[in-house]
Amino acid sequence: MVFLRGKVLVIGDTCVGKSSLCQVLSSDGGIYPKNYSSTIMTELIIKQVQLTENNDTVELFLYDSSGKAIYFENCKETWLNADMIVLVFDLSNKESFGHVKFWYEKAKETFLYDKPIIGCVIGNKSDLSSVVNQANIKQMSDSMNMKYFECSAKENQNVMDPFKYLASEYVKKYNENIKKFKQIIE
């Protein structure tokens, strides 16, 4: 059993539902924002994820970043030393999908050293008709070595799944690092 804390960037275009995802996640589905309120800079939301297989807990520090270009340079400062990335796009907005790779590359620039990125891609607003080709989503996710999830913050459908996945991968990486460290000192 371990208790870990991890910094998670939640990034993507404006109006894709990043804040809604974070709020629904942190409230266990109890809060869905009825009115749109644009995120200014970056908001921090904390959520503990309990993993049942080993009784591990990961406290996720979700850095919900604005998708507006005017805040981009200032947001990048809060992205430093992230452990995980969540790339969000709107399934009903093809343009937001087209920008996922841009957000991925911008996030990679903030890593201080080259390390494998733990992350996932979320197609939000699955309650709406999708205009994005599933084969294109798979190809793009695979090219970044990230797992893809679809969810609806509005309907609280599958919101927890990507974050449980991230927590599980983070614990796995932690255990691998402990094993490597033990091999070095033995």
C-alpha atoms as a PDB file:
ATOM      1  CA  MET A   1       0.000   0.000   0.000  1.00  0.00           C
ATOM      2  CA  VAL A   2       1.376   3.383  -1.020  1.00  0.00           C
ATOM      3  CA  PHE A   3       0.159   6.961  -0.834  1.00  0.00           C
ATOM      4  CA  LEU A   4       1.457   9.144  -3.647  1.00  0.00           C
ATOM      5  CA  ARG A   5       0.851  12.663  -4.859  1.00  0.00           C
ATOM      6  CA  GLY A   6       1.009  13.558  -8.525  1.00  0.00           C
ATOM      7  CA  LYS A   7       0.745  16.733 -10.551  1.00  0.00           C
ATOM      8  CA  VAL A   8      -1.643  16.393 -13.502  1.00  0.00           C
ATOM      9  CA  LEU A   9      -1.962  18.919 -16.327  1.00  0.00           C
ATOM     10  CA  VAL A  10      -5.498  19.123 -17.697  1.00  0.00           C
ATOM     11  CA  ILE A  11      -5.120  20.938 -21.001  1.00  0.00           C
ATOM     12  CA  GLY A  12      -6.887  21.540 -24.278  1.00  0.00           C
ATOM     13  CA  ASP A  13      -8.798  24.181 -26.195  1.00  0.00           C
ATOM     14  CA  THR A  14     -11.215  26.529 -24.507  1.00  0.00           C
ATOM     15  CA  CYS A  15     -14.808  25.261 -24.122  1.00  0.00           C
ATOM     16  CA  VAL A  16     -13.955  21.539 -24.332  1.00  0.00           C
ATOM     17  CA  GLY A  17     -15.098  20.883 -20.750  1.00  0.00           C
ATOM     18  CA  LYS A  18     -11.813  20.642 -18.825  1.00  0.00           C
ATOM     19  CA  SER A  19     -13.170  22.478 -15.782  1.00  0.00           C
ATOM     20  CA  SER A  20     -16.436  20.551 -15.887  1.00  0.00           C
ATOM     21  CA  LEU A  21     -14.518  17.256 -15.922  1.00  0.00           C
ATOM     22  CA  CYS A  22     -12.411  18.344 -12.943  1.00  0.00           C
ATOM     23  CA  GLN A  23     -15.407  19.603 -10.967  1.00  0.00           C
ATOM     24  CA  VAL A  24     -17.503  16.503 -11.642  1.00  0.00           C
ATOM     25  CA  LEU A  25     -14.517  14.313 -10.733  1.00  0.00           C
ATOM     26  CA  SER A  26     -13.716  16.141  -7.498  1.00  0.00           C
ATOM     27  CA  SER A  27     -17.362  16.113  -6.366  1.00  0.00           C
ATOM     28  CA  ASP A  28     -17.907  12.449  -7.309  1.00  0.00           C
ATOM     29  CA  GLY A  29     -20.565  13.558  -9.778  1.00  0.00           C
ATOM     30  CA  GLY A  30     -22.327  15.899  -7.366  1.00  0.00           C
ATOM     31  CA  ILE A  31     -21.435  19.165  -9.069  1.00  0.00           C
ATOM     32  CA  TYR A  32     -21.823  19.996 -12.741  1.00  0.00           C
ATOM     33  CA  PRO A  33     -21.453  23.696 -13.545  1.00  0.00           C
ATOM     34  CA  LYS A  34     -24.744  24.871 -15.078  1.00  0.00           C
ATOM     35  CA  ASN A  35     -23.276  28.092 -16.462  1.00  0.00           C
ATOM     36  CA  TYR A  36     -20.098  28.392 -18.502  1.00  0.00           C
ATOM     37  CA  SER A  37     -17.317  30.270 -16.759  1.00  0.00           C
ATOM     38  CA  SER A  38     -14.033  30.595 -18.599  1.00  0.00           C
ATOM     39  CA  THR A  39     -10.992  29.544 -16.586  1.00  0.00           C
ATOM     40  CA  ILE A  40      -8.530  32.353 -16.026  1.00  0.00           C
ATOM     41  CA  MET A  41      -4.948  31.081 -15.927  1.00  0.00           C
ATOM     42  CA  THR A  42      -4.878  27.794 -13.980  1.00  0.00           C
ATOM     43  CA  GLU A  43      -7.107  26.420 -11.236  1.00  0.00           C
ATOM     44  CA  LEU A  44      -5.982  23.711  -8.829  1.00  0.00           C
ATOM     45  CA  ILE A  45      -8.369  20.912  -7.927  1.00  0.00           C
ATOM     46  CA  ILE A  46      -7.378  17.995  -5.687  1.00  0.00           C
ATOM     47  CA  LYS A  47      -8.846  14.500  -5.931  1.00  0.00           C
ATOM     48  CA  GLN A  48      -7.810  11.328  -4.125  1.00  0.00           C
ATOM     49  CA  VAL A  49      -8.084   8.184  -6.215  1.00  0.00           C
ATOM     50  CA  GLN A  50      -8.236   4.889  -4.344  1.00  0.00           C
ATOM     51  CA  LEU A  51      -6.968   1.871  -6.272  1.00  0.00           C
ATOM     52  CA  THR A  52      -8.588  -1.317  -5.036  1.00  0.00           C
ATOM     53  CA  GLU A  53      -6.084  -3.870  -6.365  1.00  0.00           C
ATOM     54  CA  ASN A  54      -3.319  -2.959  -3.855  1.00  0.00           C
ATOM     55  CA  ASN A  55      -5.181  -0.462  -1.693  1.00  0.00           C
ATOM     56  CA  ASP A  56      -2.938   2.288  -3.078  1.00  0.00           C
ATOM     57  CA  THR A  57      -4.006   5.930  -3.017  1.00  0.00           C
ATOM     58  CA  VAL A  58      -2.911   8.657  -5.388  1.00  0.00           C
ATOM     59  CA  GLU A  59      -3.749  12.247  -4.596  1.00  0.00           C
ATOM     60  CA  LEU A  60      -4.057  13.983  -7.943  1.00  0.00           C
ATOM     61  CA  PHE A  61      -3.293  17.688  -8.085  1.00  0.00           C
ATOM     62  CA  LEU A  62      -5.245  18.659 -11.196  1.00  0.00           C
ATOM     63  CA  TYR A  63      -3.952  21.816 -12.867  1.00  0.00           C
ATOM     64  CA  ASP A  64      -6.980  22.872 -14.913  1.00  0.00           C
ATOM     65  CA  SER A  65      -5.484  25.327 -17.405  1.00  0.00           C
ATOM     66  CA  SER A  66      -7.174  27.913 -19.548  1.00  0.00           C
ATOM     67  CA  GLY A  67      -7.281  27.149 -23.247  1.00  0.00           C
ATOM     68  CA  LYS A  68      -7.111  30.837 -24.149  1.00  0.00           C
ATOM     69  CA  ALA A  69      -3.964  32.022 -25.909  1.00  0.00           C
ATOM     70  CA  ILE A  70      -3.834  35.218 -23.835  1.00  0.00           C
ATOM     71  CA  TYR A  71      -3.011  33.179 -20.695  1.00  0.00           C
ATOM     72  CA  PHE A  72      -0.761  30.609 -22.303  1.00  0.00           C
ATOM     73  CA  GLU A  73       2.683  31.946 -21.334  1.00  0.00           C
ATOM     74  CA  ASN A  74       1.655  32.403 -17.704  1.00  0.00           C
ATOM     75  CA  CYS A  75       0.019  28.973 -17.557  1.00  0.00           C
ATOM     76  CA  LYS A  76       3.219  27.310 -18.755  1.00  0.00           C
ATOM     77  CA  GLU A  77       4.919  28.316 -15.501  1.00  0.00           C
ATOM     78  CA  THR A  78       2.435  26.222 -13.522  1.00  0.00           C
ATOM     79  CA  TRP A  79       3.019  23.254 -15.818  1.00  0.00           C
ATOM     80  CA  LEU A  80       6.655  22.711 -14.764  1.00  0.00           C
ATOM     81  CA  ASN A  81       7.515  19.297 -13.310  1.00  0.00           C
ATOM     82  CA  ALA A  82       4.161  17.693 -14.078  1.00  0.00           C
ATOM     83  CA  ASP A  83       3.869  13.958 -13.569  1.00  0.00           C
ATOM     84  CA  MET A  84       0.897  13.317 -15.844  1.00  0.00           C
ATOM     85  CA  ILE A  85      -1.013  14.940 -18.702  1.00  0.00           C
ATOM     86  CA  VAL A  86      -4.690  14.850 -19.633  1.00  0.00           C
ATOM     87  CA  LEU A  87      -5.391  16.157 -23.131  1.00  0.00           C
ATOM     88  CA  VAL A  88      -9.058  17.040 -23.550  1.00  0.00           C
ATOM     89  CA  PHE A  89     -11.024  17.720 -26.709  1.00  0.00           C
ATOM     90  CA  ASP A  90     -14.720  18.109 -27.511  1.00  0.00           C
ATOM     91  CA  LEU A  91     -16.135  15.213 -29.538  1.00  0.00           C
ATOM     92  CA  SER A  92     -18.612  17.605 -31.170  1.00  0.00           C
ATOM     93  CA  ASN A  93     -15.863  20.043 -32.236  1.00  0.00           C
ATOM     94  CA  LYS A  94     -13.436  18.766 -34.885  1.00  0.00           C
ATOM     95  CA  GLU A  95     -11.187  21.823 -34.494  1.00  0.00           C
ATOM     96  CA  SER A  96     -10.531  21.050 -30.812  1.00  0.00           C
ATOM     97  CA  PHE A  97      -9.417  17.543 -31.798  1.00  0.00           C
ATOM     98  CA  GLY A  98      -7.056  19.040 -34.368  1.00  0.00           C
ATOM     99  CA  HIS A  99      -5.310  20.993 -31.607  1.00  0.00           C
ATOM    100  CA  VAL A 100      -4.603  18.036 -29.273  1.00  0.00           C
ATOM    101  CA  LYS A 101      -1.116  17.466 -30.706  1.00  0.00           C
ATOM    102  CA  PHE A 102      -0.345  21.191 -30.236  1.00  0.00           C
ATOM    103  CA  TRP A 103      -1.205  20.949 -26.534  1.00  0.00           C
ATOM    104  CA  TYR A 104       0.854  17.786 -26.200  1.00  0.00           C
ATOM    105  CA  GLU A 105       3.920  19.458 -27.718  1.00  0.00           C
ATOM    106  CA  LYS A 106       3.508  22.569 -25.526  1.00  0.00           C
ATOM    107  CA  ALA A 107       3.287  20.423 -22.408  1.00  0.00           C
ATOM    108  CA  LYS A 108       6.395  18.445 -23.413  1.00  0.00           C
ATOM    109  CA  GLU A 109       8.342  21.726 -23.578  1.00  0.00           C
ATOM    110  CA  THR A 110       7.800  22.231 -19.843  1.00  0.00           C
ATOM    111  CA  PHE A 111       9.397  18.948 -18.802  1.00  0.00           C
ATOM    112  CA  LEU A 112      12.858  19.616 -17.394  1.00  0.00           C
ATOM    113  CA  TYR A 113      14.278  16.362 -18.712  1.00  0.00           C
ATOM    114  CA  ASP A 114      13.217  13.773 -21.207  1.00  0.00           C
ATOM    115  CA  LYS A 115      11.050  11.189 -19.476  1.00  0.00           C
ATOM    116  CA  PRO A 116       8.174   8.989 -20.576  1.00  0.00           C
ATOM    117  CA  ILE A 117       4.919  10.874 -20.209  1.00  0.00           C
ATOM    118  CA  ILE A 118       2.086   9.280 -18.289  1.00  0.00           C
ATOM    119  CA  GLY A 119      -1.072  10.594 -19.849  1.00  0.00           C
ATOM    120  CA  CYS A 120      -4.320  10.078 -21.633  1.00  0.00           C
ATOM    121  CA  VAL A 121      -6.548  11.705 -24.186  1.00  0.00           C
ATOM    122  CA  ILE A 122     -10.170  12.401 -23.295  1.00  0.00           C
ATOM    123  CA  GLY A 123     -12.906  12.964 -25.820  1.00  0.00           C
ATOM    124  CA  ASN A 124     -15.433  14.862 -23.709  1.00  0.00           C
ATOM    125  CA  LYS A 125     -19.111  15.535 -24.405  1.00  0.00           C
ATOM    126  CA  SER A 126     -19.925  11.974 -25.451  1.00  0.00           C
ATOM    127  CA  ASP A 127     -23.569  12.888 -24.796  1.00  0.00           C
ATOM    128  CA  LEU A 128     -23.433  14.913 -28.055  1.00  0.00           C
ATOM    129  CA  SER A 129     -23.035  13.645 -31.611  1.00  0.00           C
ATOM    130  CA  SER A 130     -19.381  13.064 -32.430  1.00  0.00           C
ATOM    131  CA  VAL A 131     -17.928  14.699 -35.535  1.00  0.00           C
ATOM    132  CA  VAL A 132     -14.465  13.216 -35.007  1.00  0.00           C
ATOM    133  CA  ASN A 133     -13.457  10.006 -36.789  1.00  0.00           C
ATOM    134  CA  GLN A 134     -12.645   7.181 -34.335  1.00  0.00           C
ATOM    135  CA  ALA A 135      -9.773   5.910 -36.502  1.00  0.00           C
ATOM    136  CA  ASN A 136      -8.179   9.378 -36.403  1.00  0.00           C
ATOM    137  CA  ILE A 137      -8.532   9.492 -32.622  1.00  0.00           C
ATOM    138  CA  LYS A 138      -6.869   6.088 -32.256  1.00  0.00           C
ATOM    139  CA  GLN A 139      -4.045   7.017 -34.625  1.00  0.00           C
ATOM    140  CA  MET A 140      -3.357  10.286 -32.804  1.00  0.00           C
ATOM    141  CA  SER A 141      -3.521   8.711 -29.323  1.00  0.00           C
ATOM    142  CA  ASP A 142      -1.237   5.866 -30.387  1.00  0.00           C
ATOM    143  CA  SER A 143       1.272   8.328 -31.877  1.00  0.00           C
ATOM    144  CA  MET A 144       1.611   9.949 -28.435  1.00  0.00           C
ATOM    145  CA  ASN A 145       1.588   6.572 -26.643  1.00  0.00           C
ATOM    146  CA  MET A 146      -1.515   7.575 -24.689  1.00  0.00           C
ATOM    147  CA  LYS A 147      -4.709   5.727 -23.893  1.00  0.00           C
ATOM    148  CA  TYR A 148      -7.963   7.203 -25.157  1.00  0.00           C
ATOM    149  CA  PHE A 149     -11.164   7.638 -23.140  1.00  0.00           C
ATOM    150  CA  GLU A 150     -14.587   9.040 -23.977  1.00  0.00           C
ATOM    151  CA  CYS A 151     -16.730  10.594 -21.301  1.00  0.00           C
ATOM    152  CA  SER A 152     -19.445  13.100 -20.574  1.00  0.00           C
ATOM    153  CA  ALA A 153     -18.930  15.470 -17.672  1.00  0.00           C
ATOM    154  CA  LYS A 154     -22.533  16.630 -18.057  1.00  0.00           C
ATOM    155  CA  GLU A 155     -23.928  13.107 -17.646  1.00  0.00           C
ATOM    156  CA  ASN A 156     -21.130  11.960 -15.288  1.00  0.00           C
ATOM    157  CA  GLN A 157     -20.398   9.072 -17.662  1.00  0.00           C
ATOM    158  CA  ASN A 158     -16.962   7.432 -17.462  1.00  0.00           C
ATOM    159  CA  VAL A 159     -15.436  10.514 -15.787  1.00  0.00           C
ATOM    160  CA  MET A 160     -13.512   8.506 -13.184  1.00  0.00           C
ATOM    161  CA  ASP A 161     -12.048   5.965 -15.633  1.00  0.00           C
ATOM    162  CA  PRO A 162      -9.214   8.060 -17.109  1.00  0.00           C
ATOM    163  CA  PHE A 163      -8.128   9.286 -13.694  1.00  0.00           C
ATOM    164  CA  LYS A 164      -8.074   5.765 -12.229  1.00  0.00           C
ATOM    165  CA  TYR A 165      -5.965   4.773 -15.215  1.00  0.00           C
ATOM    166  CA  LEU A 166      -3.530   7.643 -14.563  1.00  0.00           C
ATOM    167  CA  ALA A 167      -3.299   6.800 -10.863  1.00  0.00           C
ATOM    168  CA  SER A 168      -2.642   3.142 -11.672  1.00  0.00           C
ATOM    169  CA  GLU A 169       0.071   4.018 -14.204  1.00  0.00           C
ATOM    170  CA  TYR A 170       1.639   6.440 -11.729  1.00  0.00           C
ATOM    171  CA  VAL A 171       1.817   3.759  -9.020  1.00  0.00           C
ATOM    172  CA  LYS A 172       3.245   1.314 -11.561  1.00  0.00           C
ATOM    173  CA  LYS A 173       5.964   3.827 -12.526  1.00  0.00           C
ATOM    174  CA  TYR A 174       6.697   4.496  -8.838  1.00  0.00           C
ATOM    175  CA  ASN A 175       7.122   0.768  -8.151  1.00  0.00           C
ATOM    176  CA  GLU A 176       9.413   0.408 -11.192  1.00  0.00           C
ATOM    177  CA  ASN A 177      11.569   3.276  -9.915  1.00  0.00           C
ATOM    178  CA  ILE A 178      11.762   1.751  -6.416  1.00  0.00           C
ATOM    179  CA  LYS A 179      12.832  -1.566  -7.936  1.00  0.00           C
ATOM    180  CA  LYS A 180      15.552   0.148 -10.015  1.00  0.00           C
ATOM    181  CA  PHE A 181      16.776   2.067  -6.984  1.00  0.00           C
ATOM    182  CA  LYS A 182      16.989  -1.108  -4.890  1.00  0.00           C
ATOM    183  CA  GLN A 183      19.010  -2.795  -7.645  1.00  0.00           C
ATOM    184  CA  ILE A 184      21.462   0.109  -7.660  1.00  0.00           C
ATOM    185  CA  ILE A 185      22.085   0.071  -3.919  1.00  0.00           C
ATOM    186  CA  GLU A 186      22.387  -3.719  -3.617  1.00  0.00           C
END
